[in-house]
């Protein structure tokens, strides 16, 4: 695969759009993503340590998603911002990072991005599984303290399996020249050469095969599963509300009291999934247009992909705040302090 081609004029023109207002907007997105997800980790994490154990599992899943968002922002998006300012991280003199460094960076980028996708799905799947439990939470007050072992095993499998999947990125990547440009792009990595690191598959066909598999496994399948689980949650809540009419309210009082809260949580998760599909869907379309078409609009679509990659990470903490009372209170207090 070619790795040292000179950048096309259209691509250079497109990236020059980030020299003024768009660059400022992108920096704001990245900073909001870092600060917002950091706040989610701190606030919800404190709630895990000191709050009631009934909602501890749900909070742990939110922290896991926010943690993956934060890692993607720091390990990839922040590096893009620094590069735009001419600050070359890991550069020694006029030398770009070595091939070994590029292999590590590309592997980490793919690993974190894949884990981020499945962490988002984890939120929807957990809520769906919670609603399908027969026993209400009040009946499990005597359960052992601490998170269930199945949840911890789920976290371990999520990060471990995605690390295994990212092994090709540790192998089929290399260091390019200062004027190198990508001939293949993956949604899971970057939308342009970062720190001179490029994909280096044995052939264009093997690269496209990996890109297609990545799109199916880590983009299409999670989106479909998110949609199915969230729709299942909404239908379960509707059926539950219809089944337990006021005549049986005393018999199912603990469940009935939680229906409005669970319905609100389902709506928050639905908004989260819509944001995910919108932002990453735009990125999928743009990157695959580049891989399979290479038309005159490909360079500009890559700029769109770069913004959409950061939109979900930046906006998801605000959506989570709608359904999390403590997080919402902290954000409101911060806004009031800034305004006063």
C-alpha atoms as a PDB file:
ATOM      1  CA  UNK A   1       0.000   0.000   0.000  1.00  0.00           C
ATOM      2  CA  UNK A   2       1.251   3.459  -0.882  1.00  0.00           C
ATOM      3  CA  UNK A   3       2.154   5.461   2.205  1.00  0.00           C
ATOM      4  CA  UNK A   4       4.210   8.400   0.960  1.00  0.00           C
ATOM      5  CA  UNK A   5       1.949   9.951  -1.651  1.00  0.00           C
ATOM      6  CA  UNK A   6       1.803  13.732  -1.784  1.00  0.00           C
ATOM      7  CA  UNK A   7      -1.385  15.244  -0.441  1.00  0.00           C
ATOM      8  CA  UNK A   8      -3.864  16.253  -3.089  1.00  0.00           C
ATOM      9  CA  UNK A   9      -4.638  19.988  -3.465  1.00  0.00           C
ATOM     10  CA  UNK A  10      -8.285  19.375  -2.581  1.00  0.00           C
ATOM     11  CA  UNK A  11      -7.294  17.723   0.655  1.00  0.00           C
ATOM     12  CA  UNK A  12      -4.966  20.549   1.563  1.00  0.00           C
ATOM     13  CA  UNK A  13      -7.717  23.074   0.798  1.00  0.00           C
ATOM     14  CA  UNK A  14     -10.170  21.212   2.941  1.00  0.00           C
ATOM     15  CA  UNK A  15      -7.825  21.019   5.914  1.00  0.00           C
ATOM     16  CA  UNK A  16      -7.033  24.709   5.556  1.00  0.00           C
ATOM     17  CA  UNK A  17     -10.698  25.338   6.445  1.00  0.00           C
ATOM     18  CA  UNK A  18      -9.681  24.526  10.001  1.00  0.00           C
ATOM     19  CA  UNK A  19      -7.457  27.590  10.159  1.00  0.00           C
ATOM     20  CA  UNK A  20      -9.996  29.950  11.719  1.00  0.00           C
ATOM     21  CA  UNK A  21     -13.574  29.600  12.916  1.00  0.00           C
ATOM     22  CA  UNK A  22     -13.954  25.844  12.286  1.00  0.00           C
ATOM     23  CA  UNK A  23     -10.744  25.209  14.196  1.00  0.00           C
ATOM     24  CA  UNK A  24     -12.046  27.176  17.169  1.00  0.00           C
ATOM     25  CA  UNK A  25     -15.294  25.179  17.070  1.00  0.00           C
ATOM     26  CA  UNK A  26     -13.357  21.927  16.957  1.00  0.00           C
ATOM     27  CA  UNK A  27     -11.176  22.974  19.906  1.00  0.00           C
ATOM     28  CA  UNK A  28     -14.320  23.825  21.883  1.00  0.00           C
ATOM     29  CA  UNK A  29     -15.786  20.395  21.089  1.00  0.00           C
ATOM     30  CA  UNK A  30     -12.636  18.631  22.255  1.00  0.00           C
ATOM     31  CA  UNK A  31     -12.326  20.674  25.461  1.00  0.00           C
ATOM     32  CA  UNK A  32     -16.014  20.247  26.290  1.00  0.00           C
ATOM     33  CA  UNK A  33     -15.645  16.513  25.723  1.00  0.00           C
ATOM     34  CA  UNK A  34     -12.680  16.288  28.086  1.00  0.00           C
ATOM     35  CA  UNK A  35     -14.191  18.477  30.813  1.00  0.00           C
ATOM     36  CA  UNK A  36     -17.707  17.048  30.480  1.00  0.00           C
ATOM     37  CA  UNK A  37     -16.713  13.412  30.637  1.00  0.00           C
ATOM     38  CA  UNK A  38     -14.234  14.164  33.403  1.00  0.00           C
ATOM     39  CA  UNK A  39     -17.097  15.691  35.382  1.00  0.00           C
ATOM     40  CA  UNK A  40     -19.260  12.617  34.750  1.00  0.00           C
ATOM     41  CA  UNK A  41     -16.497  10.365  36.061  1.00  0.00           C
ATOM     42  CA  UNK A  42     -15.982  12.470  39.189  1.00  0.00           C
ATOM     43  CA  UNK A  43     -19.631  13.085  40.069  1.00  0.00           C
ATOM     44  CA  UNK A  44     -21.044   9.669  39.214  1.00  0.00           C
ATOM     45  CA  UNK A  45     -17.915   7.972  40.571  1.00  0.00           C
ATOM     46  CA  UNK A  46     -18.433   9.691  43.917  1.00  0.00           C
ATOM     47  CA  UNK A  47     -22.039   8.529  43.833  1.00  0.00           C
ATOM     48  CA  UNK A  48     -20.781   4.956  43.368  1.00  0.00           C
ATOM     49  CA  UNK A  49     -18.533   5.221  46.419  1.00  0.00           C
ATOM     50  CA  UNK A  50     -20.966   6.947  48.753  1.00  0.00           C
ATOM     51  CA  UNK A  51     -24.422   6.416  47.273  1.00  0.00           C
ATOM     52  CA  UNK A  52     -26.934   3.651  47.689  1.00  0.00           C
ATOM     53  CA  UNK A  53     -26.029   0.309  46.226  1.00  0.00           C
ATOM     54  CA  UNK A  54     -29.324   0.016  44.339  1.00  0.00           C
ATOM     55  CA  UNK A  55     -28.116   2.244  41.490  1.00  0.00           C
ATOM     56  CA  UNK A  56     -24.437   1.385  41.715  1.00  0.00           C
ATOM     57  CA  UNK A  57     -24.361  -0.911  38.673  1.00  0.00           C
ATOM     58  CA  UNK A  58     -26.036   1.683  36.436  1.00  0.00           C
ATOM     59  CA  UNK A  59     -23.606   4.362  37.619  1.00  0.00           C
ATOM     60  CA  UNK A  60     -20.638   2.086  36.955  1.00  0.00           C
ATOM     61  CA  UNK A  61     -21.785   1.622  33.360  1.00  0.00           C
ATOM     62  CA  UNK A  62     -22.118   5.390  32.923  1.00  0.00           C
ATOM     63  CA  UNK A  63     -18.607   5.873  34.312  1.00  0.00           C
ATOM     64  CA  UNK A  64     -17.281   3.209  31.944  1.00  0.00           C
ATOM     65  CA  UNK A  65     -18.765   5.015  28.936  1.00  0.00           C
ATOM     66  CA  UNK A  66     -17.520   8.411  30.118  1.00  0.00           C
ATOM     67  CA  UNK A  67     -14.076   6.922  30.764  1.00  0.00           C
ATOM     68  CA  UNK A  68     -13.893   5.561  27.212  1.00  0.00           C
ATOM     69  CA  UNK A  69     -15.039   8.958  25.870  1.00  0.00           C
ATOM     70  CA  UNK A  70     -12.341  10.698  27.882  1.00  0.00           C
ATOM     71  CA  UNK A  71      -9.612   8.339  26.688  1.00  0.00           C
ATOM     72  CA  UNK A  72     -10.584   8.864  23.036  1.00  0.00           C
ATOM     73  CA  UNK A  73     -10.569  12.651  23.543  1.00  0.00           C
ATOM     74  CA  UNK A  74      -7.165  12.712  25.223  1.00  0.00           C
ATOM     75  CA  UNK A  75      -5.393  10.041  23.174  1.00  0.00           C
ATOM     76  CA  UNK A  76      -6.638  11.110  19.745  1.00  0.00           C
ATOM     77  CA  UNK A  77      -8.692  14.320  19.512  1.00  0.00           C
ATOM     78  CA  UNK A  78      -6.376  16.347  21.728  1.00  0.00           C
ATOM     79  CA  UNK A  79      -3.402  15.231  19.624  1.00  0.00           C
ATOM     80  CA  UNK A  80      -5.199  16.496  16.513  1.00  0.00           C
ATOM     81  CA  UNK A  81      -5.688  19.894  18.168  1.00  0.00           C
ATOM     82  CA  UNK A  82      -2.035  20.099  19.189  1.00  0.00           C
ATOM     83  CA  UNK A  83      -0.978  19.155  15.667  1.00  0.00           C
ATOM     84  CA  UNK A  84      -3.160  21.933  14.219  1.00  0.00           C
ATOM     85  CA  UNK A  85      -1.250  24.383  16.412  1.00  0.00           C
ATOM     86  CA  UNK A  86       2.043  23.039  15.046  1.00  0.00           C
ATOM     87  CA  UNK A  87       2.924  21.215  18.274  1.00  0.00           C
ATOM     88  CA  UNK A  88       4.275  17.817  17.227  1.00  0.00           C
ATOM     89  CA  UNK A  89       4.006  15.410  20.127  1.00  0.00           C
ATOM     90  CA  UNK A  90       6.719  12.700  20.322  1.00  0.00           C
ATOM     91  CA  UNK A  91       8.797  14.530  17.692  1.00  0.00           C
ATOM     92  CA  UNK A  92      12.550  14.526  18.316  1.00  0.00           C
ATOM     93  CA  UNK A  93      14.072  17.405  16.414  1.00  0.00           C
ATOM     94  CA  UNK A  94      12.948  17.008  12.808  1.00  0.00           C
ATOM     95  CA  UNK A  95      12.202  13.313  13.235  1.00  0.00           C
ATOM     96  CA  UNK A  96       8.660  11.957  13.408  1.00  0.00           C
ATOM     97  CA  UNK A  97       7.819   9.099  15.792  1.00  0.00           C
ATOM     98  CA  UNK A  98       9.400   5.788  14.842  1.00  0.00           C
ATOM     99  CA  UNK A  99       7.499   2.912  13.250  1.00  0.00           C
ATOM    100  CA  UNK A 100       7.206   1.214  16.645  1.00  0.00           C
ATOM    101  CA  UNK A 101       5.598   4.294  18.149  1.00  0.00           C
ATOM    102  CA  UNK A 102       3.173   4.522  15.230  1.00  0.00           C
ATOM    103  CA  UNK A 103       2.187   0.893  15.685  1.00  0.00           C
ATOM    104  CA  UNK A 104       1.477   1.508  19.362  1.00  0.00           C
ATOM    105  CA  UNK A 105      -0.488   4.689  18.671  1.00  0.00           C
ATOM    106  CA  UNK A 106      -2.590   3.192  15.879  1.00  0.00           C
ATOM    107  CA  UNK A 107      -3.338   0.145  18.015  1.00  0.00           C
ATOM    108  CA  UNK A 108      -4.373   2.295  20.969  1.00  0.00           C
ATOM    109  CA  UNK A 109      -6.582   4.507  18.780  1.00  0.00           C
ATOM    110  CA  UNK A 110      -8.423   1.513  17.317  1.00  0.00           C
ATOM    111  CA  UNK A 111      -8.728  -0.166  20.732  1.00  0.00           C
ATOM    112  CA  UNK A 112     -10.170   2.896  22.467  1.00  0.00           C
ATOM    113  CA  UNK A 113     -12.566   3.724  19.662  1.00  0.00           C
ATOM    114  CA  UNK A 114     -13.942   0.170  19.481  1.00  0.00           C
ATOM    115  CA  UNK A 115     -14.302   0.007  23.265  1.00  0.00           C
ATOM    116  CA  UNK A 116     -16.078   3.369  23.159  1.00  0.00           C
ATOM    117  CA  UNK A 117     -18.707   2.056  20.736  1.00  0.00           C
ATOM    118  CA  UNK A 118     -19.471  -1.052  22.771  1.00  0.00           C
ATOM    119  CA  UNK A 119     -19.440   0.918  26.040  1.00  0.00           C
ATOM    120  CA  UNK A 120     -22.240   3.045  24.603  1.00  0.00           C
ATOM    121  CA  UNK A 121     -24.172  -0.086  23.665  1.00  0.00           C
ATOM    122  CA  UNK A 122     -23.580  -1.394  27.204  1.00  0.00           C
ATOM    123  CA  UNK A 123     -25.720   1.462  28.577  1.00  0.00           C
ATOM    124  CA  UNK A 124     -28.706   0.547  26.426  1.00  0.00           C
ATOM    125  CA  UNK A 125     -28.311  -3.210  26.962  1.00  0.00           C
ATOM    126  CA  UNK A 126     -28.081  -2.856  30.747  1.00  0.00           C
ATOM    127  CA  UNK A 127     -31.226  -0.757  30.936  1.00  0.00           C
ATOM    128  CA  UNK A 128     -33.110  -3.268  28.778  1.00  0.00           C
ATOM    129  CA  UNK A 129     -31.908  -6.163  30.939  1.00  0.00           C
ATOM    130  CA  UNK A 130     -32.881  -4.293  34.112  1.00  0.00           C
ATOM    131  CA  UNK A 131     -36.430  -3.735  32.900  1.00  0.00           C
ATOM    132  CA  UNK A 132     -36.861  -7.406  32.065  1.00  0.00           C
ATOM    133  CA  UNK A 133     -36.127  -8.504  35.639  1.00  0.00           C
ATOM    134  CA  UNK A 134     -39.200  -9.864  37.348  1.00  0.00           C
ATOM    135  CA  UNK A 135     -38.247  -8.826  40.892  1.00  0.00           C
ATOM    136  CA  UNK A 136     -38.307  -5.058  41.555  1.00  0.00           C
ATOM    137  CA  UNK A 137     -35.176  -3.428  43.010  1.00  0.00           C
ATOM    138  CA  UNK A 138     -36.835  -3.228  46.456  1.00  0.00           C
ATOM    139  CA  UNK A 139     -36.816  -7.021  46.620  1.00  0.00           C
ATOM    140  CA  UNK A 140     -33.047  -7.134  46.232  1.00  0.00           C
ATOM    141  CA  UNK A 141     -32.139  -4.984  49.241  1.00  0.00           C
ATOM    142  CA  UNK A 142     -30.496  -7.972  50.910  1.00  0.00           C
ATOM    143  CA  UNK A 143     -28.240  -8.705  47.949  1.00  0.00           C
ATOM    144  CA  UNK A 144     -24.467  -8.724  48.568  1.00  0.00           C
ATOM    145  CA  UNK A 145     -22.811  -5.342  48.749  1.00  0.00           C
ATOM    146  CA  UNK A 146     -20.731  -4.305  45.779  1.00  0.00           C
ATOM    147  CA  UNK A 147     -21.143  -4.628  42.002  1.00  0.00           C
ATOM    148  CA  UNK A 148     -22.312  -7.974  40.608  1.00  0.00           C
ATOM    149  CA  UNK A 149     -19.581 -10.209  39.285  1.00  0.00           C
ATOM    150  CA  UNK A 150     -21.367 -10.475  35.924  1.00  0.00           C
ATOM    151  CA  UNK A 151     -20.978  -6.716  35.431  1.00  0.00           C
ATOM    152  CA  UNK A 152     -17.255  -6.802  36.182  1.00  0.00           C
ATOM    153  CA  UNK A 153     -16.819  -9.756  33.823  1.00  0.00           C
ATOM    154  CA  UNK A 154     -18.700  -7.771  31.171  1.00  0.00           C
ATOM    155  CA  UNK A 155     -16.305  -4.828  31.556  1.00  0.00           C
ATOM    156  CA  UNK A 156     -13.318  -7.155  31.347  1.00  0.00           C
ATOM    157  CA  UNK A 157     -14.604  -8.856  28.203  1.00  0.00           C
ATOM    158  CA  UNK A 158     -15.479  -5.530  26.587  1.00  0.00           C
ATOM    159  CA  UNK A 159     -11.986  -4.109  26.903  1.00  0.00           C
ATOM    160  CA  UNK A 160     -10.142  -7.413  26.368  1.00  0.00           C
ATOM    161  CA  UNK A 161     -11.994  -8.460  23.207  1.00  0.00           C
ATOM    162  CA  UNK A 162     -11.591  -5.029  21.647  1.00  0.00           C
ATOM    163  CA  UNK A 163      -7.888  -5.126  22.466  1.00  0.00           C
ATOM    164  CA  UNK A 164      -7.630  -8.453  20.640  1.00  0.00           C
ATOM    165  CA  UNK A 165      -9.497  -7.014  17.663  1.00  0.00           C
ATOM    166  CA  UNK A 166      -7.070  -4.069  17.491  1.00  0.00           C
ATOM    167  CA  UNK A 167      -4.032  -6.354  17.056  1.00  0.00           C
ATOM    168  CA  UNK A 168      -3.916  -5.754  13.253  1.00  0.00           C
ATOM    169  CA  UNK A 169      -3.489  -2.044  13.978  1.00  0.00           C
ATOM    170  CA  UNK A 170      -0.386  -2.846  16.043  1.00  0.00           C
ATOM    171  CA  UNK A 171       0.985  -4.809  13.084  1.00  0.00           C
ATOM    172  CA  UNK A 172      -0.176  -3.147   9.852  1.00  0.00           C
ATOM    173  CA  UNK A 173       0.845   0.439  10.504  1.00  0.00           C
ATOM    174  CA  UNK A 174       4.010   2.355   9.793  1.00  0.00           C
ATOM    175  CA  UNK A 175       5.676   5.766   9.778  1.00  0.00           C
ATOM    176  CA  UNK A 176       5.197   7.966   6.733  1.00  0.00           C
ATOM    177  CA  UNK A 177       7.065  11.001   5.471  1.00  0.00           C
ATOM    178  CA  UNK A 178       6.293  14.592   6.334  1.00  0.00           C
ATOM    179  CA  UNK A 179       4.098  14.945   3.225  1.00  0.00           C
ATOM    180  CA  UNK A 180       2.478  11.528   3.520  1.00  0.00           C
ATOM    181  CA  UNK A 181      -1.244  11.126   3.062  1.00  0.00           C
ATOM    182  CA  UNK A 182      -3.531   8.209   3.759  1.00  0.00           C
ATOM    183  CA  UNK A 183      -4.702   5.922   0.969  1.00  0.00           C
ATOM    184  CA  UNK A 184      -7.024   4.068   3.381  1.00  0.00           C
ATOM    185  CA  UNK A 185      -8.929   5.361   6.398  1.00  0.00           C
ATOM    186  CA  UNK A 186     -10.848   3.672   9.186  1.00  0.00           C
ATOM    187  CA  UNK A 187     -13.483   5.242  11.396  1.00  0.00           C
ATOM    188  CA  UNK A 188     -11.746   3.611  14.344  1.00  0.00           C
ATOM    189  CA  UNK A 189      -8.465   5.461  13.784  1.00  0.00           C
ATOM    190  CA  UNK A 190      -8.036   8.981  12.376  1.00  0.00           C
ATOM    191  CA  UNK A 191      -9.327  10.833   9.338  1.00  0.00           C
ATOM    192  CA  UNK A 192      -5.864  12.003   8.350  1.00  0.00           C
ATOM    193  CA  UNK A 193      -2.242  11.052   9.059  1.00  0.00           C
ATOM    194  CA  UNK A 194      -1.524  11.978  12.674  1.00  0.00           C
ATOM    195  CA  UNK A 195       2.117  12.187  13.752  1.00  0.00           C
ATOM    196  CA  UNK A 196       3.004  10.668  10.372  1.00  0.00           C
ATOM    197  CA  UNK A 197       1.376   7.332  11.245  1.00  0.00           C
ATOM    198  CA  UNK A 198      -0.249   5.452   8.368  1.00  0.00           C
ATOM    199  CA  UNK A 199      -1.926   2.142   7.642  1.00  0.00           C
ATOM    200  CA  UNK A 200       0.363  -0.291   5.857  1.00  0.00           C
ATOM    201  CA  UNK A 201      -1.573  -3.409   4.864  1.00  0.00           C
ATOM    202  CA  UNK A 202       0.052  -5.939   2.492  1.00  0.00           C
ATOM    203  CA  UNK A 203      -2.381  -4.963  -0.264  1.00  0.00           C
ATOM    204  CA  UNK A 204      -5.204  -2.538  -0.913  1.00  0.00           C
ATOM    205  CA  UNK A 205      -7.697  -5.413  -0.908  1.00  0.00           C
ATOM    206  CA  UNK A 206      -6.660  -6.651   2.535  1.00  0.00           C
ATOM    207  CA  UNK A 207      -6.891  -3.100   3.838  1.00  0.00           C
ATOM    208  CA  UNK A 208     -10.363  -2.624   2.428  1.00  0.00           C
ATOM    209  CA  UNK A 209     -11.377  -6.005   3.862  1.00  0.00           C
ATOM    210  CA  UNK A 210     -10.276  -4.924   7.340  1.00  0.00           C
ATOM    211  CA  UNK A 211     -11.974  -1.533   6.909  1.00  0.00           C
ATOM    212  CA  UNK A 212     -15.225  -3.200   5.840  1.00  0.00           C
ATOM    213  CA  UNK A 213     -15.091  -5.703   8.709  1.00  0.00           C
ATOM    214  CA  UNK A 214     -14.423  -2.835  11.113  1.00  0.00           C
ATOM    215  CA  UNK A 215     -17.408  -0.907   9.777  1.00  0.00           C
ATOM    216  CA  UNK A 216     -19.732  -3.911  10.134  1.00  0.00           C
ATOM    217  CA  UNK A 217     -18.501  -5.147  13.531  1.00  0.00           C
ATOM    218  CA  UNK A 218     -17.955  -1.835  15.281  1.00  0.00           C
ATOM    219  CA  UNK A 219     -20.414   0.498  13.570  1.00  0.00           C
ATOM    220  CA  UNK A 220     -23.400  -1.207  11.951  1.00  0.00           C
ATOM    221  CA  UNK A 221     -23.924  -4.089  14.408  1.00  0.00           C
ATOM    222  CA  UNK A 222     -23.684  -1.894  17.562  1.00  0.00           C
ATOM    223  CA  UNK A 223     -26.081   0.656  16.071  1.00  0.00           C
ATOM    224  CA  UNK A 224     -28.609  -2.070  15.238  1.00  0.00           C
ATOM    225  CA  UNK A 225     -28.259  -3.612  18.697  1.00  0.00           C
ATOM    226  CA  UNK A 226     -28.650  -0.213  20.372  1.00  0.00           C
ATOM    227  CA  UNK A 227     -31.805   0.454  18.393  1.00  0.00           C
ATOM    228  CA  UNK A 228     -33.277  -2.979  19.189  1.00  0.00           C
ATOM    229  CA  UNK A 229     -32.522  -2.858  22.931  1.00  0.00           C
ATOM    230  CA  UNK A 230     -33.815   0.686  23.345  1.00  0.00           C
ATOM    231  CA  UNK A 231     -36.992  -0.108  21.400  1.00  0.00           C
ATOM    232  CA  UNK A 232     -37.384  -3.191  23.597  1.00  0.00           C
ATOM    233  CA  UNK A 233     -37.050  -1.003  26.697  1.00  0.00           C
ATOM    234  CA  UNK A 234     -39.750   1.383  25.493  1.00  0.00           C
ATOM    235  CA  UNK A 235     -42.105  -1.475  24.619  1.00  0.00           C
ATOM    236  CA  UNK A 236     -41.456  -3.151  27.972  1.00  0.00           C
ATOM    237  CA  UNK A 237     -42.294   0.057  29.828  1.00  0.00           C
ATOM    238  CA  UNK A 238     -45.447   0.538  27.768  1.00  0.00           C
ATOM    239  CA  UNK A 239     -46.593  -3.033  28.392  1.00  0.00           C
ATOM    240  CA  UNK A 240     -45.718  -2.746  32.087  1.00  0.00           C
ATOM    241  CA  UNK A 241     -47.712   0.461  32.474  1.00  0.00           C
ATOM    242  CA  UNK A 242     -50.728  -1.034  30.722  1.00  0.00           C
ATOM    243  CA  UNK A 243     -50.592  -4.280  32.694  1.00  0.00           C
ATOM    244  CA  UNK A 244     -50.400  -2.708  36.137  1.00  0.00           C
ATOM    245  CA  UNK A 245     -53.449  -0.467  36.048  1.00  0.00           C
ATOM    246  CA  UNK A 246     -54.619   1.450  39.169  1.00  0.00           C
ATOM    247  CA  UNK A 247     -56.683  -1.503  40.386  1.00  0.00           C
ATOM    248  CA  UNK A 248     -53.465  -3.410  41.106  1.00  0.00           C
ATOM    249  CA  UNK A 249     -51.440  -0.407  42.266  1.00  0.00           C
ATOM    250  CA  UNK A 250     -51.162  -1.574  45.867  1.00  0.00           C
ATOM    251  CA  UNK A 251     -49.919  -5.003  44.823  1.00  0.00           C
ATOM    252  CA  UNK A 252     -47.235  -3.635  42.508  1.00  0.00           C
ATOM    253  CA  UNK A 253     -46.491  -0.372  44.330  1.00  0.00           C
ATOM    254  CA  UNK A 254     -42.662  -0.643  44.226  1.00  0.00           C
ATOM    255  CA  UNK A 255     -42.731  -1.332  40.496  1.00  0.00           C
ATOM    256  CA  UNK A 256     -45.287   1.355  39.696  1.00  0.00           C
ATOM    257  CA  UNK A 257     -43.275   3.980  41.535  1.00  0.00           C
ATOM    258  CA  UNK A 258     -40.276   3.278  39.307  1.00  0.00           C
ATOM    259  CA  UNK A 259     -42.101   3.309  35.955  1.00  0.00           C
ATOM    260  CA  UNK A 260     -41.864   7.110  35.418  1.00  0.00           C
ATOM    261  CA  UNK A 261     -38.161   7.110  36.319  1.00  0.00           C
ATOM    262  CA  UNK A 262     -37.431   4.149  34.051  1.00  0.00           C
ATOM    263  CA  UNK A 263     -39.416   5.747  31.225  1.00  0.00           C
ATOM    264  CA  UNK A 264     -37.375   8.925  31.620  1.00  0.00           C
ATOM    265  CA  UNK A 265     -34.166   6.877  31.586  1.00  0.00           C
ATOM    266  CA  UNK A 266     -35.305   5.121  28.398  1.00  0.00           C
ATOM    267  CA  UNK A 267     -35.887   8.490  26.722  1.00  0.00           C
ATOM    268  CA  UNK A 268     -32.435   9.701  27.773  1.00  0.00           C
ATOM    269  CA  UNK A 269     -30.830   6.561  26.369  1.00  0.00           C
ATOM    270  CA  UNK A 270     -32.862   6.970  23.162  1.00  0.00           C
ATOM    271  CA  UNK A 271     -31.535  10.529  22.794  1.00  0.00           C
ATOM    272  CA  UNK A 272     -28.021   9.214  23.421  1.00  0.00           C
ATOM    273  CA  UNK A 273     -28.418   6.594  20.694  1.00  0.00           C
ATOM    274  CA  UNK A 274     -29.851   9.125  18.225  1.00  0.00           C
ATOM    275  CA  UNK A 275     -26.851  11.368  18.875  1.00  0.00           C
ATOM    276  CA  UNK A 276     -24.516   8.391  18.407  1.00  0.00           C
ATOM    277  CA  UNK A 277     -26.145   7.323  15.141  1.00  0.00           C
ATOM    278  CA  UNK A 278     -26.139  10.891  13.805  1.00  0.00           C
ATOM    279  CA  UNK A 279     -22.534  11.713  14.674  1.00  0.00           C
ATOM    280  CA  UNK A 280     -20.879   8.396  13.889  1.00  0.00           C
ATOM    281  CA  UNK A 281     -23.198   7.774  10.933  1.00  0.00           C
ATOM    282  CA  UNK A 282     -21.870  10.918   9.294  1.00  0.00           C
ATOM    283  CA  UNK A 283     -18.332   9.739  10.016  1.00  0.00           C
ATOM    284  CA  UNK A 284     -19.013   6.274   8.547  1.00  0.00           C
ATOM    285  CA  UNK A 285     -20.453   7.756   5.339  1.00  0.00           C
ATOM    286  CA  UNK A 286     -17.590  10.235   4.938  1.00  0.00           C
ATOM    287  CA  UNK A 287     -14.764   7.778   5.569  1.00  0.00           C
ATOM    288  CA  UNK A 288     -16.219   5.075   3.344  1.00  0.00           C
ATOM    289  CA  UNK A 289     -16.833   7.620   0.586  1.00  0.00           C
ATOM    290  CA  UNK A 290     -13.103   8.313   0.744  1.00  0.00           C
ATOM    291  CA  UNK A 291     -12.183   4.619   0.736  1.00  0.00           C
ATOM    292  CA  UNK A 292     -14.418   3.524  -2.130  1.00  0.00           C
ATOM    293  CA  UNK A 293     -15.058   6.645  -4.217  1.00  0.00           C
ATOM    294  CA  UNK A 294     -12.309   9.281  -3.832  1.00  0.00           C
ATOM    295  CA  UNK A 295     -14.519  11.894  -5.471  1.00  0.00           C
ATOM    296  CA  UNK A 296     -13.868  15.658  -5.351  1.00  0.00           C
ATOM    297  CA  UNK A 297     -15.951  16.004  -2.173  1.00  0.00           C
ATOM    298  CA  UNK A 298     -14.010  13.363  -0.210  1.00  0.00           C
ATOM    299  CA  UNK A 299     -11.583  15.824   1.404  1.00  0.00           C
ATOM    300  CA  UNK A 300     -14.419  18.040   2.644  1.00  0.00           C
ATOM    301  CA  UNK A 301     -16.376  15.055   3.915  1.00  0.00           C
ATOM    302  CA  UNK A 302     -13.334  14.065   5.970  1.00  0.00           C
ATOM    303  CA  UNK A 303     -13.528  17.440   7.688  1.00  0.00           C
ATOM    304  CA  UNK A 304     -17.186  16.700   8.471  1.00  0.00           C
ATOM    305  CA  UNK A 305     -16.146  13.286   9.781  1.00  0.00           C
ATOM    306  CA  UNK A 306     -13.602  14.858  12.072  1.00  0.00           C
ATOM    307  CA  UNK A 307     -16.201  17.135  13.657  1.00  0.00           C
ATOM    308  CA  UNK A 308     -18.810  14.397  13.933  1.00  0.00           C
ATOM    309  CA  UNK A 309     -16.257  12.144  15.653  1.00  0.00           C
ATOM    310  CA  UNK A 310     -16.068  14.645  18.512  1.00  0.00           C
ATOM    311  CA  UNK A 311     -19.737  15.655  18.620  1.00  0.00           C
ATOM    312  CA  UNK A 312     -20.961  12.560  20.465  1.00  0.00           C
ATOM    313  CA  UNK A 313     -18.154  12.699  23.024  1.00  0.00           C
ATOM    314  CA  UNK A 314     -18.765  16.397  23.701  1.00  0.00           C
ATOM    315  CA  UNK A 315     -22.572  16.312  23.919  1.00  0.00           C
ATOM    316  CA  UNK A 316     -23.202  12.978  25.641  1.00  0.00           C
ATOM    317  CA  UNK A 317     -22.445  14.317  29.187  1.00  0.00           C
ATOM    318  CA  UNK A 318     -25.230  16.893  28.803  1.00  0.00           C
ATOM    319  CA  UNK A 319     -27.699  14.221  27.691  1.00  0.00           C
ATOM    320  CA  UNK A 320     -26.709  12.047  30.644  1.00  0.00           C
ATOM    321  CA  UNK A 321     -27.270  15.018  32.965  1.00  0.00           C
ATOM    322  CA  UNK A 322     -30.942  15.114  31.939  1.00  0.00           C
ATOM    323  CA  UNK A 323     -31.508  11.704  33.510  1.00  0.00           C
ATOM    324  CA  UNK A 324     -29.013  11.911  36.388  1.00  0.00           C
ATOM    325  CA  UNK A 325     -30.157  14.250  39.168  1.00  0.00           C
ATOM    326  CA  UNK A 326     -26.813  14.659  40.929  1.00  0.00           C
ATOM    327  CA  UNK A 327     -24.925  15.279  37.692  1.00  0.00           C
ATOM    328  CA  UNK A 328     -27.547  17.781  36.581  1.00  0.00           C
ATOM    329  CA  UNK A 329     -27.258  19.641  39.890  1.00  0.00           C
ATOM    330  CA  UNK A 330     -23.471  19.910  39.568  1.00  0.00           C
ATOM    331  CA  UNK A 331     -23.662  21.238  36.001  1.00  0.00           C
ATOM    332  CA  UNK A 332     -26.302  23.783  37.016  1.00  0.00           C
ATOM    333  CA  UNK A 333     -24.164  24.972  39.926  1.00  0.00           C
ATOM    334  CA  UNK A 334     -21.136  25.344  37.647  1.00  0.00           C
ATOM    335  CA  UNK A 335     -23.159  27.393  35.141  1.00  0.00           C
ATOM    336  CA  UNK A 336     -24.538  29.632  37.908  1.00  0.00           C
ATOM    337  CA  UNK A 337     -21.038  30.222  39.280  1.00  0.00           C
ATOM    338  CA  UNK A 338     -19.750  31.201  35.847  1.00  0.00           C
ATOM    339  CA  UNK A 339     -22.675  33.528  35.205  1.00  0.00           C
ATOM    340  CA  UNK A 340     -22.586  35.261  38.600  1.00  0.00           C
END
